[in-house]
Amino acid sequence: MKVNAFLAFISATLAGLIAFGIFVANAGDAYRVLVTVGAGLSLFVTRGGMTALSSPNGGTANLRVVSGLFFAVLLITHIVFSFVTVRLPPYVIITGILLLLYMLICYAIIRALK
């Protein structure tokens, strides 16, 4: 696996801007910072997998499709969480399961290429 540092920086910047938008639009003040940080980290991980990773053995398209799918799902869930007052446990559980499932699928793709 190769990581393109410039594209990773662009992904981090884009995730930060989306997280700021979620911070501004957040309806519930109780966990506003947590939802913002969670959105930034989860969107960076998925967007970074979509743009910054490449594999010399092939399979880059598979990683990009999976990353794009999970990016869209996590973006939609964070937009919903920003407009609806959310309790902490459901937010952490849903976001955590989605991120772990994403990492597991990416690991399986990378492992199958070796």
PDB file of N, CA and C in Angstrom:
ATOM      1  N   MET A   1       0.824  -1.175   0.000  1.00  0.00           N
ATOM      2  CA  MET A   1       0.000   0.000   0.000  1.00  0.00           C
ATOM      3  C   MET A   1       0.870   1.240   0.000  1.00  0.00           C
ATOM      4  N   LYS A   2       0.529   2.156  -0.856  1.00  0.00           N
ATOM      5  CA  LYS A   2       1.197   3.448  -0.901  1.00  0.00           C
ATOM      6  C   LYS A   2       0.202   4.515  -0.465  1.00  0.00           C
ATOM      7  N   VAL A   3       0.714   5.484   0.275  1.00  0.00           N
ATOM      8  CA  VAL A   3      -0.112   6.600   0.719  1.00  0.00           C
ATOM      9  C   VAL A   3       0.445   7.873   0.087  1.00  0.00           C
ATOM     10  N   ASN A   4      -0.397   8.588  -0.620  1.00  0.00           N
ATOM     11  CA  ASN A   4      -0.027   9.862  -1.209  1.00  0.00           C
ATOM     12  C   ASN A   4      -0.265  10.944  -0.151  1.00  0.00           C
ATOM     13  N   ALA A   5       0.817  11.572   0.310  1.00  0.00           N
ATOM     14  CA  ALA A   5       0.723  12.533   1.412  1.00  0.00           C
ATOM     15  C   ALA A   5      -0.100  13.767   1.039  1.00  0.00           C
ATOM     16  N   PHE A   6       0.050  14.243  -0.196  1.00  0.00           N
ATOM     17  CA  PHE A   6      -0.695  15.435  -0.601  1.00  0.00           C
ATOM     18  C   PHE A   6      -2.197  15.154  -0.627  1.00  0.00           C
ATOM     19  N   LEU A   7      -2.587  13.997  -1.185  1.00  0.00           N
ATOM     20  CA  LEU A   7      -4.011  13.658  -1.217  1.00  0.00           C
ATOM     21  C   LEU A   7      -4.549  13.375   0.185  1.00  0.00           C
ATOM     22  N   ALA A   8      -3.701  12.850   1.075  1.00  0.00           N
ATOM     23  CA  ALA A   8      -4.128  12.662   2.462  1.00  0.00           C
ATOM     24  C   ALA A   8      -4.371  14.010   3.132  1.00  0.00           C
ATOM     25  N   PHE A   9      -3.535  14.995   2.835  1.00  0.00           N
ATOM     26  CA  PHE A   9      -3.732  16.348   3.369  1.00  0.00           C
ATOM     27  C   PHE A   9      -5.029  16.955   2.848  1.00  0.00           C
ATOM     28  N   ILE A  10      -5.289  16.788   1.556  1.00  0.00           N
ATOM     29  CA  ILE A  10      -6.530  17.295   0.973  1.00  0.00           C
ATOM     30  C   ILE A  10      -7.733  16.613   1.621  1.00  0.00           C
ATOM     31  N   SER A  11      -7.631  15.305   1.859  1.00  0.00           N
ATOM     32  CA  SER A  11      -8.718  14.567   2.505  1.00  0.00           C
ATOM     33  C   SER A  11      -8.963  15.067   3.916  1.00  0.00           C
ATOM     34  N   ALA A  12      -7.880  15.337   4.650  1.00  0.00           N
ATOM     35  CA  ALA A  12      -8.017  15.845   6.016  1.00  0.00           C
ATOM     36  C   ALA A  12      -8.649  17.239   6.013  1.00  0.00           C
ATOM     37  N   THR A  13      -8.261  18.067   5.068  1.00  0.00           N
ATOM     38  CA  THR A  13      -8.829  19.405   4.973  1.00  0.00           C
ATOM     39  C   THR A  13     -10.316  19.354   4.625  1.00  0.00           C
ATOM     40  N   LEU A  14     -10.671  18.509   3.665  1.00  0.00           N
ATOM     41  CA  LEU A  14     -12.072  18.365   3.286  1.00  0.00           C
ATOM     42  C   LEU A  14     -12.905  17.821   4.449  1.00  0.00           C
ATOM     43  N   ALA A  15     -12.372  16.825   5.156  1.00  0.00           N
ATOM     44  CA  ALA A  15     -13.084  16.276   6.314  1.00  0.00           C
ATOM     45  C   ALA A  15     -13.250  17.336   7.400  1.00  0.00           C
ATOM     46  N   GLY A  16     -12.232  18.164   7.601  1.00  0.00           N
ATOM     47  CA  GLY A  16     -12.336  19.247   8.575  1.00  0.00           C
ATOM     48  C   GLY A  16     -13.396  20.268   8.213  1.00  0.00           C
ATOM     49  N   LEU A  17     -13.481  20.597   6.930  1.00  0.00           N
ATOM     50  CA  LEU A  17     -14.499  21.547   6.494  1.00  0.00           C
ATOM     51  C   LEU A  17     -15.907  20.977   6.632  1.00  0.00           C
ATOM     52  N   ILE A  18     -16.075  19.705   6.300  1.00  0.00           N
ATOM     53  CA  ILE A  18     -17.383  19.067   6.475  1.00  0.00           C
ATOM     54  C   ILE A  18     -17.733  18.998   7.963  1.00  0.00           C
ATOM     55  N   ALA A  19     -16.739  18.664   8.796  1.00  0.00           N
ATOM     56  CA  ALA A  19     -16.980  18.608  10.244  1.00  0.00           C
ATOM     57  C   ALA A  19     -17.366  19.984  10.785  1.00  0.00           C
ATOM     58  N   PHE A  20     -16.750  21.037  10.271  1.00  0.00           N
ATOM     59  CA  PHE A  20     -17.128  22.384  10.699  1.00  0.00           C
ATOM     60  C   PHE A  20     -18.566  22.691  10.294  1.00  0.00           C
ATOM     61  N   GLY A  21     -18.953  22.280   9.102  1.00  0.00           N
ATOM     62  CA  GLY A  21     -20.346  22.467   8.679  1.00  0.00           C
ATOM     63  C   GLY A  21     -21.312  21.723   9.576  1.00  0.00           C
ATOM     64  N   ILE A  22     -20.925  20.528   9.990  1.00  0.00           N
ATOM     65  CA  ILE A  22     -21.767  19.765  10.912  1.00  0.00           C
ATOM     66  C   ILE A  22     -21.811  20.446  12.280  1.00  0.00           C
ATOM     67  N   PHE A  23     -20.695  21.032  12.702  1.00  0.00           N
ATOM     68  CA  PHE A  23     -20.662  21.761  13.974  1.00  0.00           C
ATOM     69  C   PHE A  23     -21.613  22.950  13.944  1.00  0.00           C
ATOM     70  N   VAL A  24     -21.614  23.675  12.842  1.00  0.00           N
ATOM     71  CA  VAL A  24     -22.468  24.851  12.722  1.00  0.00           C
ATOM     72  C   VAL A  24     -23.939  24.464  12.670  1.00  0.00           C
ATOM     73  N   ALA A  25     -24.239  23.354  11.995  1.00  0.00           N
ATOM     74  CA  ALA A  25     -25.640  22.944  11.822  1.00  0.00           C
ATOM     75  C   ALA A  25     -26.171  22.099  12.977  1.00  0.00           C
ATOM     76  N   ASN A  26     -25.335  21.779  13.945  1.00  0.00           N
ATOM     77  CA  ASN A  26     -25.737  20.863  15.009  1.00  0.00           C
ATOM     78  C   ASN A  26     -26.844  21.473  15.862  1.00  0.00           C
ATOM     79  N   ALA A  27     -27.923  20.707  16.031  1.00  0.00           N
ATOM     80  CA  ALA A  27     -29.078  21.192  16.788  1.00  0.00           C
ATOM     81  C   ALA A  27     -28.896  21.009  18.288  1.00  0.00           C
ATOM     82  N   GLY A  28     -28.278  19.916  18.699  1.00  0.00           N
ATOM     83  CA  GLY A  28     -28.118  19.642  20.124  1.00  0.00           C
ATOM     84  C   GLY A  28     -26.785  20.138  20.629  1.00  0.00           C
ATOM     85  N   ASP A  29     -26.804  20.930  21.660  1.00  0.00           N
ATOM     86  CA  ASP A  29     -25.566  21.483  22.189  1.00  0.00           C
ATOM     87  C   ASP A  29     -24.836  20.529  23.120  1.00  0.00           C
ATOM     88  N   ALA A  30     -25.486  19.472  23.567  1.00  0.00           N
ATOM     89  CA  ALA A  30     -24.889  18.591  24.570  1.00  0.00           C
ATOM     90  C   ALA A  30     -23.642  17.888  24.045  1.00  0.00           C
ATOM     91  N   TYR A  31     -23.712  17.318  22.872  1.00  0.00           N
ATOM     92  CA  TYR A  31     -22.583  16.553  22.328  1.00  0.00           C
ATOM     93  C   TYR A  31     -22.103  17.155  21.008  1.00  0.00           C
ATOM     94  N   ARG A  32     -22.188  18.451  20.892  1.00  0.00           N
ATOM     95  CA  ARG A  32     -21.842  19.144  19.651  1.00  0.00           C
ATOM     96  C   ARG A  32     -20.384  18.901  19.249  1.00  0.00           C
ATOM     97  N   VAL A  33     -19.475  19.016  20.194  1.00  0.00           N
ATOM     98  CA  VAL A  33     -18.050  18.825  19.900  1.00  0.00           C
ATOM     99  C   VAL A  33     -17.764  17.362  19.578  1.00  0.00           C
ATOM    100  N   LEU A  34     -18.391  16.442  20.295  1.00  0.00           N
ATOM    101  CA  LEU A  34     -18.169  15.021  20.043  1.00  0.00           C
ATOM    102  C   LEU A  34     -18.615  14.630  18.639  1.00  0.00           C
ATOM    103  N   VAL A  35     -19.766  15.106  18.210  1.00  0.00           N
ATOM    104  CA  VAL A  35     -20.257  14.793  16.863  1.00  0.00           C
ATOM    105  C   VAL A  35     -19.343  15.425  15.823  1.00  0.00           C
ATOM    106  N   THR A  36     -18.824  16.610  16.090  1.00  0.00           N
ATOM    107  CA  THR A  36     -17.912  17.260  15.152  1.00  0.00           C
ATOM    108  C   THR A  36     -16.606  16.490  15.020  1.00  0.00           C
ATOM    109  N   VAL A  37     -16.005  16.112  16.134  1.00  0.00           N
ATOM    110  CA  VAL A  37     -14.755  15.356  16.094  1.00  0.00           C
ATOM    111  C   VAL A  37     -14.979  13.977  15.469  1.00  0.00           C
ATOM    112  N   GLY A  38     -16.070  13.331  15.829  1.00  0.00           N
ATOM    113  CA  GLY A  38     -16.389  12.031  15.238  1.00  0.00           C
ATOM    114  C   GLY A  38     -16.593  12.116  13.740  1.00  0.00           C
ATOM    115  N   ALA A  39     -17.263  13.167  13.296  1.00  0.00           N
ATOM    116  CA  ALA A  39     -17.467  13.358  11.856  1.00  0.00           C
ATOM    117  C   ALA A  39     -16.141  13.604  11.158  1.00  0.00           C
ATOM    118  N   GLY A  40     -15.307  14.441  11.730  1.00  0.00           N
ATOM    119  CA  GLY A  40     -14.017  14.737  11.114  1.00  0.00           C
ATOM    120  C   GLY A  40     -13.138  13.511  10.983  1.00  0.00           C
ATOM    121  N   LEU A  41     -13.048  12.740  12.058  1.00  0.00           N
ATOM    122  CA  LEU A  41     -12.198  11.547  12.021  1.00  0.00           C
ATOM    123  C   LEU A  41     -12.738  10.467  11.088  1.00  0.00           C
ATOM    124  N   SER A  42     -14.026  10.187  11.190  1.00  0.00           N
ATOM    125  CA  SER A  42     -14.578   9.112  10.368  1.00  0.00           C
ATOM    126  C   SER A  42     -14.593   9.484   8.889  1.00  0.00           C
ATOM    127  N   LEU A  43     -14.876  10.740   8.575  1.00  0.00           N
ATOM    128  CA  LEU A  43     -14.858  11.151   7.176  1.00  0.00           C
ATOM    129  C   LEU A  43     -13.440  11.236   6.633  1.00  0.00           C
ATOM    130  N   PHE A  44     -12.471  11.587   7.480  1.00  0.00           N
ATOM    131  CA  PHE A  44     -11.079  11.576   7.033  1.00  0.00           C
ATOM    132  C   PHE A  44     -10.611  10.159   6.714  1.00  0.00           C
ATOM    133  N   VAL A  45     -10.950   9.223   7.573  1.00  0.00           N
ATOM    134  CA  VAL A  45     -10.518   7.842   7.342  1.00  0.00           C
ATOM    135  C   VAL A  45     -11.092   7.302   6.034  1.00  0.00           C
ATOM    136  N   THR A  46     -12.382   7.512   5.810  1.00  0.00           N
ATOM    137  CA  THR A  46     -12.998   6.981   4.600  1.00  0.00           C
ATOM    138  C   THR A  46     -12.575   7.768   3.360  1.00  0.00           C
ATOM    139  N   ARG A  47     -12.484   9.082   3.467  1.00  0.00           N
ATOM    140  CA  ARG A  47     -12.056   9.885   2.316  1.00  0.00           C
ATOM    141  C   ARG A  47     -10.588   9.629   1.995  1.00  0.00           C
ATOM    142  N   GLY A  48      -9.775   9.426   3.021  1.00  0.00           N
ATOM    143  CA  GLY A  48      -8.373   9.090   2.798  1.00  0.00           C
ATOM    144  C   GLY A  48      -8.225   7.753   2.085  1.00  0.00           C
ATOM    145  N   GLY A  49      -9.055   6.790   2.450  1.00  0.00           N
ATOM    146  CA  GLY A  49      -9.034   5.516   1.752  1.00  0.00           C
ATOM    147  C   GLY A  49      -9.483   5.630   0.308  1.00  0.00           C
ATOM    148  N   MET A  50     -10.328   6.605   0.045  1.00  0.00           N
ATOM    149  CA  MET A  50     -10.852   6.782  -1.313  1.00  0.00           C
ATOM    150  C   MET A  50      -9.840   7.486  -2.214  1.00  0.00           C
ATOM    151  N   THR A  51      -9.057   8.411  -1.683  1.00  0.00           N
ATOM    152  CA  THR A  51      -8.181   9.198  -2.543  1.00  0.00           C
ATOM    153  C   THR A  51      -6.696   8.934  -2.328  1.00  0.00           C
ATOM    154  N   ALA A  52      -6.264   8.719  -1.114  1.00  0.00           N
ATOM    155  CA  ALA A  52      -4.834   8.708  -0.827  1.00  0.00           C
ATOM    156  C   ALA A  52      -4.185   7.325  -0.933  1.00  0.00           C
ATOM    157  N   LEU A  53      -4.961   6.248  -0.896  1.00  0.00           N
ATOM    158  CA  LEU A  53      -4.371   4.915  -0.933  1.00  0.00           C
ATOM    159  C   LEU A  53      -4.304   4.371  -2.353  1.00  0.00           C
ATOM    160  N   SER A  54      -3.218   3.688  -2.647  1.00  0.00           N
ATOM    161  CA  SER A  54      -3.099   2.976  -3.908  1.00  0.00           C
ATOM    162  C   SER A  54      -2.292   1.707  -3.662  1.00  0.00           C
ATOM    163  N   SER A  55      -2.563   0.703  -4.466  1.00  0.00           N
ATOM    164  CA  SER A  55      -1.913  -0.584  -4.302  1.00  0.00           C
ATOM    165  C   SER A  55      -1.214  -0.966  -5.599  1.00  0.00           C
ATOM    166  N   PRO A  56       0.053  -1.352  -5.526  1.00  0.00           N
ATOM    167  CA  PRO A  56       0.742  -1.774  -6.748  1.00  0.00           C
ATOM    168  C   PRO A  56       0.242  -3.123  -7.265  1.00  0.00           C
ATOM    169  N   ASN A  57      -0.423  -3.900  -6.429  1.00  0.00           N
ATOM    170  CA  ASN A  57      -0.912  -5.225  -6.813  1.00  0.00           C
ATOM    171  C   ASN A  57      -2.300  -5.194  -7.424  1.00  0.00           C
ATOM    172  N   GLY A  58      -2.892  -4.029  -7.579  1.00  0.00           N
ATOM    173  CA  GLY A  58      -4.274  -3.933  -8.046  1.00  0.00           C
ATOM    174  C   GLY A  58      -5.202  -3.841  -6.853  1.00  0.00           C
ATOM    175  N   GLY A  59      -6.469  -3.786  -7.117  1.00  0.00           N
ATOM    176  CA  GLY A  59      -7.448  -3.709  -6.044  1.00  0.00           C
ATOM    177  C   GLY A  59      -7.728  -2.306  -5.559  1.00  0.00           C
ATOM    178  N   THR A  60      -7.076  -1.310  -6.178  1.00  0.00           N
ATOM    179  CA  THR A  60      -7.307   0.067  -5.768  1.00  0.00           C
ATOM    180  C   THR A  60      -8.752   0.472  -6.029  1.00  0.00           C
ATOM    181  N   ALA A  61      -9.312  -0.023  -7.126  1.00  0.00           N
ATOM    182  CA  ALA A  61     -10.707   0.307  -7.443  1.00  0.00           C
ATOM    183  C   ALA A  61     -11.648  -0.249  -6.377  1.00  0.00           C
ATOM    184  N   ASN A  62     -11.372  -1.451  -5.893  1.00  0.00           N
ATOM    185  CA  ASN A  62     -12.211  -2.035  -4.837  1.00  0.00           C
ATOM    186  C   ASN A  62     -12.158  -1.189  -3.566  1.00  0.00           C
ATOM    187  N   LEU A  63     -10.950  -0.754  -3.194  1.00  0.00           N
ATOM    188  CA  LEU A  63     -10.811   0.087  -2.003  1.00  0.00           C
ATOM    189  C   LEU A  63     -11.539   1.418  -2.177  1.00  0.00           C
ATOM    190  N   ARG A  64     -11.467   1.990  -3.363  1.00  0.00           N
ATOM    191  CA  ARG A  64     -12.123   3.277  -3.597  1.00  0.00           C
ATOM    192  C   ARG A  64     -13.637   3.158  -3.575  1.00  0.00           C
ATOM    193  N   VAL A  65     -14.157   2.058  -4.111  1.00  0.00           N
ATOM    194  CA  VAL A  65     -15.614   1.870  -4.102  1.00  0.00           C
ATOM    195  C   VAL A  65     -16.112   1.677  -2.673  1.00  0.00           C
ATOM    196  N   VAL A  66     -15.428   0.832  -1.909  1.00  0.00           N
ATOM    197  CA  VAL A  66     -15.828   0.597  -0.515  1.00  0.00           C
ATOM    198  C   VAL A  66     -15.686   1.890   0.294  1.00  0.00           C
ATOM    199  N   SER A  67     -14.595   2.613   0.085  1.00  0.00           N
ATOM    200  CA  SER A  67     -14.390   3.870   0.809  1.00  0.00           C
ATOM    201  C   SER A  67     -15.453   4.899   0.443  1.00  0.00           C
ATOM    202  N   GLY A  68     -15.795   4.995  -0.831  1.00  0.00           N
ATOM    203  CA  GLY A  68     -16.826   5.929  -1.258  1.00  0.00           C
ATOM    204  C   GLY A  68     -18.188   5.589  -0.681  1.00  0.00           C
ATOM    205  N   LEU A  69     -18.498   4.303  -0.640  1.00  0.00           N
ATOM    206  CA  LEU A  69     -19.769   3.863  -0.066  1.00  0.00           C
ATOM    207  C   LEU A  69     -19.855   4.211   1.419  1.00  0.00           C
ATOM    208  N   PHE A  70     -18.810   3.902   2.167  1.00  0.00           N
ATOM    209  CA  PHE A  70     -18.827   4.202   3.588  1.00  0.00           C
ATOM    210  C   PHE A  70     -18.730   5.698   3.853  1.00  0.00           C
ATOM    211  N   PHE A  71     -18.044   6.453   2.988  1.00  0.00           N
ATOM    212  CA  PHE A  71     -18.016   7.904   3.124  1.00  0.00           C
ATOM    213  C   PHE A  71     -19.426   8.469   3.009  1.00  0.00           C
ATOM    214  N   ALA A  72     -20.166   7.993   2.017  1.00  0.00           N
ATOM    215  CA  ALA A  72     -21.538   8.479   1.820  1.00  0.00           C
ATOM    216  C   ALA A  72     -22.433   8.103   3.001  1.00  0.00           C
ATOM    217  N   VAL A  73     -22.317   6.868   3.472  1.00  0.00           N
ATOM    218  CA  VAL A  73     -23.147   6.416   4.598  1.00  0.00           C
ATOM    219  C   VAL A  73     -22.815   7.217   5.860  1.00  0.00           C
ATOM    220  N   LEU A  74     -21.528   7.396   6.148  1.00  0.00           N
ATOM    221  CA  LEU A  74     -21.147   8.155   7.341  1.00  0.00           C
ATOM    222  C   LEU A  74     -21.509   9.631   7.219  1.00  0.00           C
ATOM    223  N   LEU A  75     -21.412  10.186   6.026  1.00  0.00           N
ATOM    224  CA  LEU A  75     -21.814  11.578   5.840  1.00  0.00           C
ATOM    225  C   LEU A  75     -23.304  11.752   6.093  1.00  0.00           C
ATOM    226  N   ILE A  76     -24.104  10.838   5.573  1.00  0.00           N
ATOM    227  CA  ILE A  76     -25.555  10.905   5.793  1.00  0.00           C
ATOM    228  C   ILE A  76     -25.889  10.748   7.271  1.00  0.00           C
ATOM    229  N   THR A  77     -25.250   9.785   7.945  1.00  0.00           N
ATOM    230  CA  THR A  77     -25.547   9.594   9.372  1.00  0.00           C
ATOM    231  C   THR A  77     -25.132  10.819  10.189  1.00  0.00           C
ATOM    232  N   HIS A  78     -24.008  11.436   9.851  1.00  0.00           N
ATOM    233  CA  HIS A  78     -23.590  12.615  10.610  1.00  0.00           C
ATOM    234  C   HIS A  78     -24.473  13.821  10.326  1.00  0.00           C
ATOM    235  N   ILE A  79     -24.962  13.929   9.115  1.00  0.00           N
ATOM    236  CA  ILE A  79     -25.914  15.009   8.825  1.00  0.00           C
ATOM    237  C   ILE A  79     -27.194  14.800   9.625  1.00  0.00           C
ATOM    238  N   VAL A  80     -27.665  13.565   9.685  1.00  0.00           N
ATOM    239  CA  VAL A  80     -28.863  13.266  10.486  1.00  0.00           C
ATOM    240  C   VAL A  80     -28.595  13.558  11.956  1.00  0.00           C
ATOM    241  N   PHE A  81     -27.424  13.117  12.463  1.00  0.00           N
ATOM    242  CA  PHE A  81     -27.099  13.361  13.868  1.00  0.00           C
ATOM    243  C   PHE A  81     -26.947  14.852  14.167  1.00  0.00           C
ATOM    244  N   SER A  82     -26.593  15.654  13.176  1.00  0.00           N
ATOM    245  CA  SER A  82     -26.424  17.084  13.443  1.00  0.00           C
ATOM    246  C   SER A  82     -27.759  17.818  13.526  1.00  0.00           C
ATOM    247  N   PHE A  83     -28.793  17.302  12.865  1.00  0.00           N
ATOM    248  CA  PHE A  83     -30.097  17.963  12.899  1.00  0.00           C
ATOM    249  C   PHE A  83     -31.032  17.393  13.950  1.00  0.00           C
ATOM    250  N   VAL A  84     -30.685  16.249  14.496  1.00  0.00           N
ATOM    251  CA  VAL A  84     -31.511  15.599  15.513  1.00  0.00           C
ATOM    252  C   VAL A  84     -30.697  15.556  16.803  1.00  0.00           C
ATOM    253  N   THR A  85     -31.319  15.886  17.898  1.00  0.00           N
ATOM    254  CA  THR A  85     -30.627  15.772  19.173  1.00  0.00           C
ATOM    255  C   THR A  85     -30.388  14.299  19.458  1.00  0.00           C
ATOM    256  N   VAL A  86     -29.132  13.949  19.590  1.00  0.00           N
ATOM    257  CA  VAL A  86     -28.752  12.546  19.711  1.00  0.00           C
ATOM    258  C   VAL A  86     -28.173  12.294  21.098  1.00  0.00           C
ATOM    259  N   ARG A  87     -28.442  11.112  21.600  1.00  0.00           N
ATOM    260  CA  ARG A  87     -27.821  10.710  22.858  1.00  0.00           C
ATOM    261  C   ARG A  87     -26.461  10.111  22.542  1.00  0.00           C
ATOM    262  N   LEU A  88     -25.593  10.086  23.518  1.00  0.00           N
ATOM    263  CA  LEU A  88     -24.220   9.642  23.309  1.00  0.00           C
ATOM    264  C   LEU A  88     -24.092   8.169  22.929  1.00  0.00           C
ATOM    265  N   PRO A  89     -24.704   7.216  23.646  1.00  0.00           N
ATOM    266  CA  PRO A  89     -24.473   5.803  23.317  1.00  0.00           C
ATOM    267  C   PRO A  89     -24.872   5.409  21.881  1.00  0.00           C
ATOM    268  N   PRO A  90     -26.044   5.809  21.376  1.00  0.00           N
ATOM    269  CA  PRO A  90     -26.353   5.415  19.994  1.00  0.00           C
ATOM    270  C   PRO A  90     -25.385   6.009  18.973  1.00  0.00           C
ATOM    271  N   TYR A  91     -24.951   7.235  19.202  1.00  0.00           N
ATOM    272  CA  TYR A  91     -24.009   7.857  18.278  1.00  0.00           C
ATOM    273  C   TYR A  91     -22.691   7.093  18.235  1.00  0.00           C
ATOM    274  N   VAL A  92     -22.132   6.811  19.400  1.00  0.00           N
ATOM    275  CA  VAL A  92     -20.847   6.114  19.470  1.00  0.00           C
ATOM    276  C   VAL A  92     -20.966   4.702  18.899  1.00  0.00           C
ATOM    277  N   ILE A  93     -22.049   3.999  19.215  1.00  0.00           N
ATOM    278  CA  ILE A  93     -22.221   2.625  18.744  1.00  0.00           C
ATOM    279  C   ILE A  93     -22.384   2.585  17.224  1.00  0.00           C
ATOM    280  N   ILE A  94     -23.234   3.434  16.671  1.00  0.00           N
ATOM    281  CA  ILE A  94     -23.476   3.416  15.225  1.00  0.00           C
ATOM    282  C   ILE A  94     -22.224   3.822  14.458  1.00  0.00           C
ATOM    283  N   THR A  95     -21.585   4.904  14.865  1.00  0.00           N
ATOM    284  CA  THR A  95     -20.375   5.354  14.176  1.00  0.00           C
ATOM    285  C   THR A  95     -19.245   4.344  14.337  1.00  0.00           C
ATOM    286  N   GLY A  96     -19.096   3.794  15.527  1.00  0.00           N
ATOM    287  CA  GLY A  96     -18.046   2.799  15.768  1.00  0.00           C
ATOM    288  C   GLY A  96     -18.237   1.533  14.951  1.00  0.00           C
ATOM    289  N   ILE A  97     -19.459   1.036  14.885  1.00  0.00           N
ATOM    290  CA  ILE A  97     -19.724  -0.173  14.093  1.00  0.00           C
ATOM    291  C   ILE A  97     -19.453   0.088  12.619  1.00  0.00           C
ATOM    292  N   LEU A  98     -19.887   1.228  12.109  1.00  0.00           N
ATOM    293  CA  LEU A  98     -19.645   1.538  10.702  1.00  0.00           C
ATOM    294  C   LEU A  98     -18.151   1.651  10.397  1.00  0.00           C
ATOM    295  N   LEU A  99     -17.391   2.311  11.262  1.00  0.00           N
ATOM    296  CA  LEU A  99     -15.951   2.442  11.029  1.00  0.00           C
ATOM    297  C   LEU A  99     -15.235   1.099  11.133  1.00  0.00           C
ATOM    298  N   LEU A 100     -15.607   0.292  12.113  1.00  0.00           N
ATOM    299  CA  LEU A 100     -14.970  -1.019  12.252  1.00  0.00           C
ATOM    300  C   LEU A 100     -15.312  -1.935  11.084  1.00  0.00           C
ATOM    301  N   LEU A 101     -16.544  -1.866  10.606  1.00  0.00           N
ATOM    302  CA  LEU A 101     -16.938  -2.652   9.441  1.00  0.00           C
ATOM    303  C   LEU A 101     -16.161  -2.194   8.207  1.00  0.00           C
ATOM    304  N   TYR A 102     -15.987  -0.904   8.052  1.00  0.00           N
ATOM    305  CA  TYR A 102     -15.192  -0.364   6.943  1.00  0.00           C
ATOM    306  C   TYR A 102     -13.751  -0.878   7.005  1.00  0.00           C
ATOM    307  N   MET A 103     -13.148  -0.789   8.180  1.00  0.00           N
ATOM    308  CA  MET A 103     -11.762  -1.238   8.323  1.00  0.00           C
ATOM    309  C   MET A 103     -11.626  -2.733   8.091  1.00  0.00           C
ATOM    310  N   LEU A 104     -12.602  -3.507   8.522  1.00  0.00           N
ATOM    311  CA  LEU A 104     -12.572  -4.949   8.315  1.00  0.00           C
ATOM    312  C   LEU A 104     -12.661  -5.294   6.828  1.00  0.00           C
ATOM    313  N   ILE A 105     -13.529  -4.632   6.091  1.00  0.00           N
ATOM    314  CA  ILE A 105     -13.661  -4.894   4.659  1.00  0.00           C
ATOM    315  C   ILE A 105     -12.394  -4.467   3.920  1.00  0.00           C
ATOM    316  N   CYS A 106     -11.832  -3.316   4.269  1.00  0.00           N
ATOM    317  CA  CYS A 106     -10.586  -2.877   3.631  1.00  0.00           C
ATOM    318  C   CYS A 106      -9.443  -3.834   3.943  1.00  0.00           C
ATOM    319  N   TYR A 107      -9.377  -4.305   5.161  1.00  0.00           N
ATOM    320  CA  TYR A 107      -8.349  -5.279   5.529  1.00  0.00           C
ATOM    321  C   TYR A 107      -8.504  -6.564   4.725  1.00  0.00           C
ATOM    322  N   ALA A 108      -9.732  -7.004   4.538  1.00  0.00           N
ATOM    323  CA  ALA A 108      -9.969  -8.222   3.751  1.00  0.00           C
ATOM    324  C   ALA A 108      -9.565  -8.021   2.289  1.00  0.00           C
ATOM    325  N   ILE A 109      -9.816  -6.847   1.738  1.00  0.00           N
ATOM    326  CA  ILE A 109      -9.419  -6.571   0.358  1.00  0.00           C
ATOM    327  C   ILE A 109      -7.906  -6.562   0.233  1.00  0.00           C
ATOM    328  N   ILE A 110      -7.220  -5.894   1.158  1.00  0.00           N
ATOM    329  CA  ILE A 110      -5.769  -5.824   1.120  1.00  0.00           C
ATOM    330  C   ILE A 110      -5.160  -7.203   1.319  1.00  0.00           C
ATOM    331  N   ARG A 111      -5.724  -7.958   2.221  1.00  0.00           N
ATOM    332  CA  ARG A 111      -5.219  -9.313   2.510  1.00  0.00           C
ATOM    333  C   ARG A 111      -5.397 -10.237   1.313  1.00  0.00           C
ATOM    334  N   ALA A 112      -6.500 -10.065   0.575  1.00  0.00           N
ATOM    335  CA  ALA A 112      -6.755 -10.915  -0.597  1.00  0.00           C
ATOM    336  C   ALA A 112      -5.787 -10.587  -1.736  1.00  0.00           C
ATOM    337  N   LEU A 113      -5.229  -9.394  -1.746  1.00  0.00           N
ATOM    338  CA  LEU A 113      -4.303  -9.007  -2.814  1.00  0.00           C
ATOM    339  C   LEU A 113      -2.922  -9.581  -2.627  1.00  0.00           C
ATOM    340  N   LYS A 114      -2.590  -9.997  -1.425  1.00  0.00           N
ATOM    341  CA  LYS A 114      -1.234 -10.511  -1.144  1.00  0.00           C
ATOM    342  C   LYS A 114      -1.086 -11.945  -1.553  1.00  0.00           C
TER     343      LYS A 114
END
